[in-house]
Amino acid sequence: NLVKLSLTEKEKVQFTKDLNSILNYMDTMNEINTDNIKPLTHVLPLKNRFRHDIDDNSNDRDQLLSNAPSQINGSFQVPKTVV
């Protein structure tokens, strides 16, 4: 909480100047005419760069299972993890 900050008089004077400077800058920014400016949510245009999900039938079950240390009924067999 800012209320709990303990500042010296010198720090209070400096922080008051700094905050006033920030607020003055914000007032200046608010005076800018943005009527012909489109609103923006990100500085760079965001585009979906993912490829289309196309089934190319490249997964041959027998070839994939040939890499399995153990298999059962055409599936990978893994150790039981939940008791």
PDB file of N, CA and C in Angstrom:
ATOM      1  N   ASN A   1       0.818  -1.183   0.000  1.00  0.00           N
ATOM      2  CA  ASN A   1       0.000   0.000   0.000  1.00  0.00           C
ATOM      3  C   ASN A   1       0.864   1.250   0.000  1.00  0.00           C
ATOM      4  N   LEU A   2       0.516   2.189  -0.845  1.00  0.00           N
ATOM      5  CA  LEU A   2       1.249   3.454  -0.879  1.00  0.00           C
ATOM      6  C   LEU A   2       1.061   4.242   0.406  1.00  0.00           C
ATOM      7  N   VAL A   3      -0.056   4.028   1.069  1.00  0.00           N
ATOM      8  CA  VAL A   3      -0.351   4.755   2.301  1.00  0.00           C
ATOM      9  C   VAL A   3       0.677   4.426   3.377  1.00  0.00           C
ATOM     10  N   LYS A   4       1.219   3.234   3.330  1.00  0.00           N
ATOM     11  CA  LYS A   4       2.151   2.791   4.358  1.00  0.00           C
ATOM     12  C   LYS A   4       3.587   3.232   4.099  1.00  0.00           C
ATOM     13  N   LEU A   5       3.828   3.902   2.966  1.00  0.00           N
ATOM     14  CA  LEU A   5       5.182   4.377   2.682  1.00  0.00           C
ATOM     15  C   LEU A   5       5.564   5.476   3.657  1.00  0.00           C
ATOM     16  N   SER A   6       6.777   5.407   4.074  1.00  0.00           N
ATOM     17  CA  SER A   6       7.280   6.436   4.986  1.00  0.00           C
ATOM     18  C   SER A   6       8.340   7.230   4.222  1.00  0.00           C
ATOM     19  N   LEU A   7       8.062   8.504   3.958  1.00  0.00           N
ATOM     20  CA  LEU A   7       8.953   9.337   3.151  1.00  0.00           C
ATOM     21  C   LEU A   7       9.438  10.531   3.960  1.00  0.00           C
ATOM     22  N   THR A   8      10.650  10.934   3.657  1.00  0.00           N
ATOM     23  CA  THR A   8      11.161  12.169   4.261  1.00  0.00           C
ATOM     24  C   THR A   8      10.519  13.345   3.536  1.00  0.00           C
ATOM     25  N   GLU A   9      10.646  14.527   4.100  1.00  0.00           N
ATOM     26  CA  GLU A   9      10.091  15.726   3.450  1.00  0.00           C
ATOM     27  C   GLU A   9      10.731  15.939   2.085  1.00  0.00           C
ATOM     28  N   LYS A  10      12.021  15.689   1.991  1.00  0.00           N
ATOM     29  CA  LYS A  10      12.735  15.855   0.715  1.00  0.00           C
ATOM     30  C   LYS A  10      12.181  14.872  -0.326  1.00  0.00           C
ATOM     31  N   GLU A  11      11.935  13.624   0.087  1.00  0.00           N
ATOM     32  CA  GLU A  11      11.380  12.622  -0.826  1.00  0.00           C
ATOM     33  C   GLU A  11       9.957  12.993  -1.243  1.00  0.00           C
ATOM     34  N   LYS A  12       9.186  13.503  -0.310  1.00  0.00           N
ATOM     35  CA  LYS A  12       7.816  13.920  -0.630  1.00  0.00           C
ATOM     36  C   LYS A  12       7.813  15.010  -1.689  1.00  0.00           C
ATOM     37  N   VAL A  13       8.718  15.979  -1.539  1.00  0.00           N
ATOM     38  CA  VAL A  13       8.816  17.069  -2.516  1.00  0.00           C
ATOM     39  C   VAL A  13       9.204  16.504  -3.877  1.00  0.00           C
ATOM     40  N   GLN A  14      10.198  15.606  -3.900  1.00  0.00           N
ATOM     41  CA  GLN A  14      10.669  15.034  -5.167  1.00  0.00           C
ATOM     42  C   GLN A  14       9.577  14.186  -5.826  1.00  0.00           C
ATOM     43  N   PHE A  15       8.914  13.338  -5.054  1.00  0.00           N
ATOM     44  CA  PHE A  15       7.854  12.502  -5.610  1.00  0.00           C
ATOM     45  C   PHE A  15       6.685  13.342  -6.104  1.00  0.00           C
ATOM     46  N   THR A  16       6.374  14.408  -5.415  1.00  0.00           N
ATOM     47  CA  THR A  16       5.303  15.301  -5.859  1.00  0.00           C
ATOM     48  C   THR A  16       5.656  15.909  -7.208  1.00  0.00           C
ATOM     49  N   LYS A  17       6.906  16.347  -7.358  1.00  0.00           N
ATOM     50  CA  LYS A  17       7.358  16.904  -8.646  1.00  0.00           C
ATOM     51  C   LYS A  17       7.275  15.839  -9.741  1.00  0.00           C
ATOM     52  N   ASP A  18       7.762  14.641  -9.429  1.00  0.00           N
ATOM     53  CA  ASP A  18       7.766  13.560 -10.421  1.00  0.00           C
ATOM     54  C   ASP A  18       6.347  13.194 -10.853  1.00  0.00           C
ATOM     55  N   LEU A  19       5.465  13.054  -9.891  1.00  0.00           N
ATOM     56  CA  LEU A  19       4.082  12.696 -10.223  1.00  0.00           C
ATOM     57  C   LEU A  19       3.385  13.803 -11.004  1.00  0.00           C
ATOM     58  N   ASN A  20       3.631  15.048 -10.643  1.00  0.00           N
ATOM     59  CA  ASN A  20       3.052  16.165 -11.397  1.00  0.00           C
ATOM     60  C   ASN A  20       3.570  16.184 -12.827  1.00  0.00           C
ATOM     61  N   SER A  21       4.834  15.868 -12.986  1.00  0.00           N
ATOM     62  CA  SER A  21       5.417  15.812 -14.327  1.00  0.00           C
ATOM     63  C   SER A  21       4.734  14.722 -15.162  1.00  0.00           C
ATOM     64  N   ILE A  22       4.513  13.581 -14.555  1.00  0.00           N
ATOM     65  CA  ILE A  22       3.838  12.477 -15.250  1.00  0.00           C
ATOM     66  C   ILE A  22       2.408  12.873 -15.615  1.00  0.00           C
ATOM     67  N   LEU A  23       1.703  13.474 -14.681  1.00  0.00           N
ATOM     68  CA  LEU A  23       0.321  13.888 -14.948  1.00  0.00           C
ATOM     69  C   LEU A  23       0.253  14.960 -16.029  1.00  0.00           C
ATOM     70  N   ASN A  24       1.190  15.892 -16.033  1.00  0.00           N
ATOM     71  CA  ASN A  24       1.242  16.910 -17.092  1.00  0.00           C
ATOM     72  C   ASN A  24       1.489  16.268 -18.451  1.00  0.00           C
ATOM     73  N   TYR A  25       2.362  15.282 -18.479  1.00  0.00           N
ATOM     74  CA  TYR A  25       2.639  14.577 -19.724  1.00  0.00           C
ATOM     75  C   TYR A  25       1.373  13.866 -20.214  1.00  0.00           C
ATOM     76  N   MET A  26       0.641  13.244 -19.306  1.00  0.00           N
ATOM     77  CA  MET A  26      -0.600  12.569 -19.679  1.00  0.00           C
ATOM     78  C   MET A  26      -1.628  13.573 -20.202  1.00  0.00           C
ATOM     79  N   ASP A  27      -1.687  14.747 -19.606  1.00  0.00           N
ATOM     80  CA  ASP A  27      -2.593  15.790 -20.109  1.00  0.00           C
ATOM     81  C   ASP A  27      -2.214  16.182 -21.531  1.00  0.00           C
ATOM     82  N   THR A  28      -0.918  16.299 -21.788  1.00  0.00           N
ATOM     83  CA  THR A  28      -0.442  16.617 -23.139  1.00  0.00           C
ATOM     84  C   THR A  28      -0.858  15.518 -24.115  1.00  0.00           C
ATOM     85  N   MET A  29      -0.708  14.268 -23.701  1.00  0.00           N
ATOM     86  CA  MET A  29      -1.095  13.137 -24.557  1.00  0.00           C
ATOM     87  C   MET A  29      -2.600  13.162 -24.842  1.00  0.00           C
ATOM     88  N   ASN A  30      -3.384  13.557 -23.866  1.00  0.00           N
ATOM     89  CA  ASN A  30      -4.838  13.614 -24.046  1.00  0.00           C
ATOM     90  C   ASN A  30      -5.263  14.701 -25.021  1.00  0.00           C
ATOM     91  N   GLU A  31      -4.423  15.676 -25.262  1.00  0.00           N
ATOM     92  CA  GLU A  31      -4.746  16.761 -26.188  1.00  0.00           C
ATOM     93  C   GLU A  31      -4.503  16.385 -27.649  1.00  0.00           C
ATOM     94  N   ILE A  32      -3.831  15.291 -27.893  1.00  0.00           N
ATOM     95  CA  ILE A  32      -3.513  14.877 -29.261  1.00  0.00           C
ATOM     96  C   ILE A  32      -4.795  14.478 -29.978  1.00  0.00           C
ATOM     97  N   ASN A  33      -4.956  14.986 -31.194  1.00  0.00           N
ATOM     98  CA  ASN A  33      -6.125  14.661 -31.998  1.00  0.00           C
ATOM     99  C   ASN A  33      -5.931  13.277 -32.625  1.00  0.00           C
ATOM    100  N   THR A  34      -6.762  12.345 -32.227  1.00  0.00           N
ATOM    101  CA  THR A  34      -6.678  10.980 -32.754  1.00  0.00           C
ATOM    102  C   THR A  34      -7.924  10.599 -33.550  1.00  0.00           C
ATOM    103  N   ASP A  35      -8.647  11.602 -34.046  1.00  0.00           N
ATOM    104  CA  ASP A  35      -9.895  11.329 -34.761  1.00  0.00           C
ATOM    105  C   ASP A  35      -9.705  10.439 -35.984  1.00  0.00           C
ATOM    106  N   ASN A  36      -8.620  10.623 -36.721  1.00  0.00           N
ATOM    107  CA  ASN A  36      -8.402   9.854 -37.951  1.00  0.00           C
ATOM    108  C   ASN A  36      -7.447   8.684 -37.748  1.00  0.00           C
ATOM    109  N   ILE A  37      -7.244   8.303 -36.521  1.00  0.00           N
ATOM    110  CA  ILE A  37      -6.336   7.200 -36.207  1.00  0.00           C
ATOM    111  C   ILE A  37      -7.163   5.988 -35.782  1.00  0.00           C
ATOM    112  N   LYS A  38      -6.888   4.863 -36.433  1.00  0.00           N
ATOM    113  CA  LYS A  38      -7.600   3.638 -36.070  1.00  0.00           C
ATOM    114  C   LYS A  38      -7.069   3.137 -34.724  1.00  0.00           C
ATOM    115  N   PRO A  39      -7.973   2.672 -33.867  1.00  0.00           N
ATOM    116  CA  PRO A  39      -7.514   2.104 -32.593  1.00  0.00           C
ATOM    117  C   PRO A  39      -6.669   0.864 -32.850  1.00  0.00           C
ATOM    118  N   LEU A  40      -5.696   0.645 -32.003  1.00  0.00           N
ATOM    119  CA  LEU A  40      -4.887  -0.537 -32.190  1.00  0.00           C
ATOM    120  C   LEU A  40      -4.689  -1.240 -30.864  1.00  0.00           C
ATOM    121  N   THR A  41      -4.633  -2.554 -30.932  1.00  0.00           N
ATOM    122  CA  THR A  41      -4.473  -3.343 -29.717  1.00  0.00           C
ATOM    123  C   THR A  41      -3.079  -3.922 -29.605  1.00  0.00           C
ATOM    124  N   HIS A  42      -2.334  -3.885 -30.691  1.00  0.00           N
ATOM    125  CA  HIS A  42      -0.975  -4.420 -30.685  1.00  0.00           C
ATOM    126  C   HIS A  42      -0.160  -3.625 -31.691  1.00  0.00           C
ATOM    127  N   VAL A  43       1.110  -3.438 -31.401  1.00  0.00           N
ATOM    128  CA  VAL A  43       1.940  -2.629 -32.291  1.00  0.00           C
ATOM    129  C   VAL A  43       2.161  -3.309 -33.640  1.00  0.00           C
ATOM    130  N   LEU A  44       2.257  -4.613 -33.627  1.00  0.00           N
ATOM    131  CA  LEU A  44       2.453  -5.367 -34.861  1.00  0.00           C
ATOM    132  C   LEU A  44       1.150  -6.074 -35.222  1.00  0.00           C
ATOM    133  N   PRO A  45       0.893  -6.234 -36.513  1.00  0.00           N
ATOM    134  CA  PRO A  45      -0.326  -6.956 -36.884  1.00  0.00           C
ATOM    135  C   PRO A  45      -0.212  -8.427 -36.469  1.00  0.00           C
ATOM    136  N   LEU A  46      -1.228  -8.922 -35.803  1.00  0.00           N
ATOM    137  CA  LEU A  46      -1.212 -10.316 -35.371  1.00  0.00           C
ATOM    138  C   LEU A  46      -1.902 -11.169 -36.420  1.00  0.00           C
ATOM    139  N   LYS A  47      -1.230 -12.220 -36.828  1.00  0.00           N
ATOM    140  CA  LYS A  47      -1.797 -13.130 -37.816  1.00  0.00           C
ATOM    141  C   LYS A  47      -1.590 -14.555 -37.342  1.00  0.00           C
ATOM    142  N   ASN A  48      -2.526 -15.400 -37.668  1.00  0.00           N
ATOM    143  CA  ASN A  48      -2.396 -16.806 -37.354  1.00  0.00           C
ATOM    144  C   ASN A  48      -1.388 -17.415 -38.328  1.00  0.00           C
ATOM    145  N   ARG A  49      -0.273 -17.870 -37.817  1.00  0.00           N
ATOM    146  CA  ARG A  49       0.786 -18.414 -38.668  1.00  0.00           C
ATOM    147  C   ARG A  49       0.742 -19.936 -38.763  1.00  0.00           C
ATOM    148  N   PHE A  50      -0.333 -20.549 -38.275  1.00  0.00           N
ATOM    149  CA  PHE A  50      -0.411 -21.994 -38.308  1.00  0.00           C
ATOM    150  C   PHE A  50      -0.749 -22.482 -39.709  1.00  0.00           C
ATOM    151  N   ARG A  51      -0.274 -23.652 -40.011  1.00  0.00           N
ATOM    152  CA  ARG A  51      -0.612 -24.252 -41.298  1.00  0.00           C
ATOM    153  C   ARG A  51      -1.999 -24.865 -41.198  1.00  0.00           C
ATOM    154  N   HIS A  52      -2.604 -25.142 -42.328  1.00  0.00           N
ATOM    155  CA  HIS A  52      -3.901 -25.805 -42.338  1.00  0.00           C
ATOM    156  C   HIS A  52      -3.720 -27.246 -41.868  1.00  0.00           C
ATOM    157  N   ASP A  53      -4.667 -27.737 -41.127  1.00  0.00           N
ATOM    158  CA  ASP A  53      -4.609 -29.097 -40.608  1.00  0.00           C
ATOM    159  C   ASP A  53      -5.144 -30.046 -41.676  1.00  0.00           C
ATOM    160  N   ILE A  54      -4.239 -30.631 -42.424  1.00  0.00           N
ATOM    161  CA  ILE A  54      -4.606 -31.511 -43.533  1.00  0.00           C
ATOM    162  C   ILE A  54      -4.101 -32.916 -43.227  1.00  0.00           C
ATOM    163  N   ASP A  55      -4.986 -33.900 -43.284  1.00  0.00           N
ATOM    164  CA  ASP A  55      -4.604 -35.287 -43.046  1.00  0.00           C
ATOM    165  C   ASP A  55      -3.857 -35.798 -44.271  1.00  0.00           C
ATOM    166  N   ASP A  56      -2.601 -36.182 -44.059  1.00  0.00           N
ATOM    167  CA  ASP A  56      -1.826 -36.685 -45.196  1.00  0.00           C
ATOM    168  C   ASP A  56      -1.549 -38.185 -45.068  1.00  0.00           C
ATOM    169  N   ASN A  57      -2.207 -38.827 -44.085  1.00  0.00           N
ATOM    170  CA  ASN A  57      -2.069 -40.273 -43.885  1.00  0.00           C
ATOM    171  C   ASN A  57      -0.614 -40.720 -43.801  1.00  0.00           C
ATOM    172  N   SER A  58       0.235 -39.906 -43.209  1.00  0.00           N
ATOM    173  CA  SER A  58       1.653 -40.242 -43.139  1.00  0.00           C
ATOM    174  C   SER A  58       1.993 -41.124 -41.943  1.00  0.00           C
ATOM    175  N   ASN A  59       1.044 -41.316 -41.036  1.00  0.00           N
ATOM    176  CA  ASN A  59       1.312 -42.141 -39.863  1.00  0.00           C
ATOM    177  C   ASN A  59       0.922 -43.591 -40.129  1.00  0.00           C
ATOM    178  N   ASP A  60       1.884 -44.400 -40.453  1.00  0.00           N
ATOM    179  CA  ASP A  60       1.653 -45.815 -40.684  1.00  0.00           C
ATOM    180  C   ASP A  60       1.716 -46.526 -39.331  1.00  0.00           C
ATOM    181  N   ARG A  61       0.597 -47.126 -38.921  1.00  0.00           N
ATOM    182  CA  ARG A  61       0.514 -47.741 -37.589  1.00  0.00           C
ATOM    183  C   ARG A  61       1.631 -48.757 -37.357  1.00  0.00           C
ATOM    184  N   ASP A  62       1.865 -49.635 -38.310  1.00  0.00           N
ATOM    185  CA  ASP A  62       2.897 -50.663 -38.122  1.00  0.00           C
ATOM    186  C   ASP A  62       4.279 -50.042 -37.972  1.00  0.00           C
ATOM    187  N   GLN A  63       4.543 -49.010 -38.756  1.00  0.00           N
ATOM    188  CA  GLN A  63       5.847 -48.341 -38.666  1.00  0.00           C
ATOM    189  C   GLN A  63       5.998 -47.657 -37.300  1.00  0.00           C
ATOM    190  N   LEU A  64       4.943 -46.985 -36.839  1.00  0.00           N
ATOM    191  CA  LEU A  64       5.003 -46.327 -35.535  1.00  0.00           C
ATOM    192  C   LEU A  64       5.169 -47.343 -34.413  1.00  0.00           C
ATOM    193  N   LEU A  65       4.424 -48.442 -34.475  1.00  0.00           N
ATOM    194  CA  LEU A  65       4.518 -49.446 -33.421  1.00  0.00           C
ATOM    195  C   LEU A  65       5.845 -50.190 -33.438  1.00  0.00           C
ATOM    196  N   SER A  66       6.545 -50.161 -34.558  1.00  0.00           N
ATOM    197  CA  SER A  66       7.854 -50.823 -34.608  1.00  0.00           C
ATOM    198  C   SER A  66       8.855 -50.131 -33.684  1.00  0.00           C
ATOM    199  N   ASN A  67       8.574 -48.885 -33.308  1.00  0.00           N
ATOM    200  CA  ASN A  67       9.448 -48.146 -32.389  1.00  0.00           C
ATOM    201  C   ASN A  67       9.053 -48.336 -30.927  1.00  0.00           C
ATOM    202  N   ALA A  68       7.932 -49.000 -30.685  1.00  0.00           N
ATOM    203  CA  ALA A  68       7.449 -49.165 -29.312  1.00  0.00           C
ATOM    204  C   ALA A  68       8.223 -50.276 -28.614  1.00  0.00           C
ATOM    205  N   PRO A  69       8.680 -50.015 -27.386  1.00  0.00           N
ATOM    206  CA  PRO A  69       9.360 -51.083 -26.652  1.00  0.00           C
ATOM    207  C   PRO A  69       8.397 -52.223 -26.302  1.00  0.00           C
ATOM    208  N   SER A  70       7.105 -51.869 -26.166  1.00  0.00           N
ATOM    209  CA  SER A  70       6.100 -52.874 -25.862  1.00  0.00           C
ATOM    210  C   SER A  70       4.765 -52.418 -26.448  1.00  0.00           C
ATOM    211  N   GLN A  71       4.005 -53.380 -26.982  1.00  0.00           N
ATOM    212  CA  GLN A  71       2.704 -53.032 -27.553  1.00  0.00           C
ATOM    213  C   GLN A  71       1.692 -54.116 -27.227  1.00  0.00           C
ATOM    214  N   ILE A  72       0.428 -53.713 -27.265  1.00  0.00           N
ATOM    215  CA  ILE A  72      -0.647 -54.663 -27.012  1.00  0.00           C
ATOM    216  C   ILE A  72      -1.860 -54.249 -27.846  1.00  0.00           C
ATOM    217  N   ASN A  73      -2.414 -55.171 -28.581  1.00  0.00           N
ATOM    218  CA  ASN A  73      -3.603 -54.936 -29.421  1.00  0.00           C
ATOM    219  C   ASN A  73      -3.451 -53.721 -30.334  1.00  0.00           C
ATOM    220  N   GLY A  74      -2.293 -53.540 -30.943  1.00  0.00           N
ATOM    221  CA  GLY A  74      -2.077 -52.449 -31.889  1.00  0.00           C
ATOM    222  C   GLY A  74      -1.885 -51.088 -31.252  1.00  0.00           C
ATOM    223  N   SER A  75      -1.565 -51.050 -29.952  1.00  0.00           N
ATOM    224  CA  SER A  75      -1.336 -49.782 -29.252  1.00  0.00           C
ATOM    225  C   SER A  75      -0.048 -49.868 -28.436  1.00  0.00           C
ATOM    226  N   PHE A  76       0.523 -48.712 -28.139  1.00  0.00           N
ATOM    227  CA  PHE A  76       1.680 -48.674 -27.256  1.00  0.00           C
ATOM    228  C   PHE A  76       1.266 -49.196 -25.886  1.00  0.00           C
ATOM    229  N   GLN A  77       2.094 -50.011 -25.279  1.00  0.00           N
ATOM    230  CA  GLN A  77       1.831 -50.455 -23.917  1.00  0.00           C
ATOM    231  C   GLN A  77       2.790 -49.699 -23.005  1.00  0.00           C
ATOM    232  N   VAL A  78       2.210 -49.032 -22.016  1.00  0.00           N
ATOM    233  CA  VAL A  78       3.023 -48.228 -21.092  1.00  0.00           C
ATOM    234  C   VAL A  78       2.790 -48.719 -19.674  1.00  0.00           C
ATOM    235  N   PRO A  79       3.746 -48.431 -18.786  1.00  0.00           N
ATOM    236  CA  PRO A  79       3.562 -48.864 -17.398  1.00  0.00           C
ATOM    237  C   PRO A  79       2.363 -48.173 -16.756  1.00  0.00           C
ATOM    238  N   LYS A  80       1.727 -48.868 -15.847  1.00  0.00           N
ATOM    239  CA  LYS A  80       0.594 -48.316 -15.109  1.00  0.00           C
ATOM    240  C   LYS A  80       1.109 -47.167 -14.241  1.00  0.00           C
ATOM    241  N   THR A  81       0.456 -46.016 -14.325  1.00  0.00           N
ATOM    242  CA  THR A  81       0.908 -44.853 -13.551  1.00  0.00           C
ATOM    243  C   THR A  81      -0.062 -44.472 -12.445  1.00  0.00           C
ATOM    244  N   VAL A  82      -1.304 -44.870 -12.546  1.00  0.00           N
ATOM    245  CA  VAL A  82      -2.304 -44.568 -11.524  1.00  0.00           C
ATOM    246  C   VAL A  82      -2.746 -45.879 -10.902  1.00  0.00           C
ATOM    247  N   VAL A  83      -2.705 -45.929  -9.584  1.00  0.00           N
ATOM    248  CA  VAL A  83      -3.075 -47.163  -8.890  1.00  0.00           C
ATOM    249  C   VAL A  83      -4.476 -47.051  -8.362  1.00  0.00           C
TER     250      VAL A  83
END
